[in-house]
Amino acid sequence: MNEPQPLHRQSILGFTIEEATALLNQHMIRERDIKKKPNPQHIGFVAGVLTLNDEIEIVVKFFDEVLQFTKSEYQSQLVQLND
């Protein structure tokens, strides 16, 4: 039987706690909004980190909604903005 891995050394496919917390307060934009006319409402920031069903997710606060992203969702749907 496999023993559970500590959260900081979890699955290669998901966030580690170090990866997720390093993204805190980083500004993000959805991939689909990159080519649109610039609009501050399209920009969000990583407001939190949570663990659901042994998977670490980031919480991104946009102007009109709060969304959760797994690592694979983050990589396919979000782009981190440079400071």
Protein backbone atom coordinates (compact mmCIF):
# COMPACT_ATOMS: atom_id res chain seq x y z
CA MET A 1 0.00 0.00 0.00
CA ASN A 2 1.31 3.46 -0.88
CA GLU A 3 1.90 5.88 1.94
CA PRO A 4 0.60 9.44 1.49
CA GLN A 5 3.24 11.95 0.46
CA PRO A 6 3.73 15.17 2.41
CA LEU A 7 2.04 18.12 0.69
CA HIS A 8 5.36 19.80 -0.07
CA ARG A 9 6.55 16.77 -2.06
CA GLN A 10 3.30 15.80 -3.73
CA SER A 11 2.58 14.67 -7.26
CA ILE A 12 4.68 15.91 -10.14
CA LEU A 13 1.40 16.65 -11.91
CA GLY A 14 0.05 18.96 -9.21
CA PHE A 15 1.35 21.97 -7.32
CA THR A 16 3.72 21.52 -4.44
CA ILE A 17 3.05 23.83 -1.51
CA GLU A 18 6.23 25.74 -2.37
CA GLU A 19 5.13 26.31 -5.99
CA ALA A 20 1.65 27.42 -4.99
CA THR A 21 2.74 29.80 -2.23
CA ALA A 22 5.38 31.34 -4.52
CA LEU A 23 2.48 32.48 -6.74
CA LEU A 24 0.69 34.37 -3.94
CA ASN A 25 -0.10 37.98 -4.93
CA GLN A 26 1.10 37.41 -8.51
CA HIS A 27 -1.04 39.02 -11.20
CA MET A 28 -2.69 36.74 -13.75
CA ILE A 29 -4.73 37.10 -16.91
CA ARG A 30 -6.75 34.41 -18.62
CA GLU A 31 -5.18 33.03 -21.79
CA ARG A 32 -8.40 33.86 -23.67
CA ASP A 33 -8.13 37.57 -22.69
CA ILE A 34 -4.52 38.13 -23.79
CA LYS A 35 -5.38 39.35 -27.31
CA LYS A 36 -8.35 41.47 -26.24
CA LYS A 37 -8.15 45.20 -25.70
CA PRO A 38 -6.41 45.74 -22.33
CA ASN A 39 -8.93 45.96 -19.51
CA PRO A 40 -8.14 45.98 -15.78
CA GLN A 41 -11.19 43.79 -15.19
CA HIS A 42 -9.41 40.91 -16.95
CA ILE A 43 -6.51 40.96 -14.48
CA GLY A 44 -6.64 38.87 -11.33
CA PHE A 45 -4.25 37.99 -8.53
CA VAL A 46 -3.48 34.82 -6.62
CA ALA A 47 -5.31 35.38 -3.34
CA GLY A 48 -4.85 32.01 -1.69
CA VAL A 49 -3.81 28.39 -1.69
CA LEU A 50 -5.99 25.47 -0.66
CA THR A 51 -5.97 21.71 -0.56
CA LEU A 52 -8.94 19.72 -1.82
CA ASN A 53 -8.93 15.93 -2.10
CA ASP A 54 -5.16 15.86 -1.49
CA GLU A 55 -4.52 18.25 -4.38
CA ILE A 56 -3.14 21.75 -3.94
CA GLU A 57 -4.91 24.52 -5.86
CA ILE A 58 -4.49 28.27 -6.17
CA VAL A 59 -7.33 30.73 -5.69
CA VAL A 60 -7.40 33.62 -8.17
CA LYS A 61 -9.50 36.73 -7.50
CA PHE A 62 -10.72 38.54 -10.61
CA PHE A 63 -12.81 41.72 -10.62
CA ASP A 64 -16.11 39.84 -10.77
CA GLU A 65 -15.31 36.31 -9.56
CA VAL A 66 -13.05 34.04 -7.54
CA LEU A 67 -11.81 30.85 -9.21
CA GLN A 68 -9.76 27.82 -8.17
CA PHE A 69 -7.11 26.31 -10.44
CA THR A 70 -5.16 23.08 -10.30
CA LYS A 71 -1.64 23.18 -11.73
CA SER A 72 -2.75 21.81 -15.10
CA GLU A 73 -5.62 24.32 -15.29
CA TYR A 74 -3.25 27.14 -14.31
CA GLN A 75 -0.78 26.14 -17.02
CA SER A 76 -3.44 25.92 -19.74
CA GLN A 77 -5.74 28.83 -18.81
CA LEU A 78 -3.67 31.55 -17.12
CA VAL A 79 -0.68 33.71 -17.95
CA GLN A 80 1.37 35.34 -15.21
CA LEU A 81 1.93 39.03 -15.81
CA ASN A 82 5.39 40.49 -15.27
CA ASP A 83 5.75 43.20 -12.67
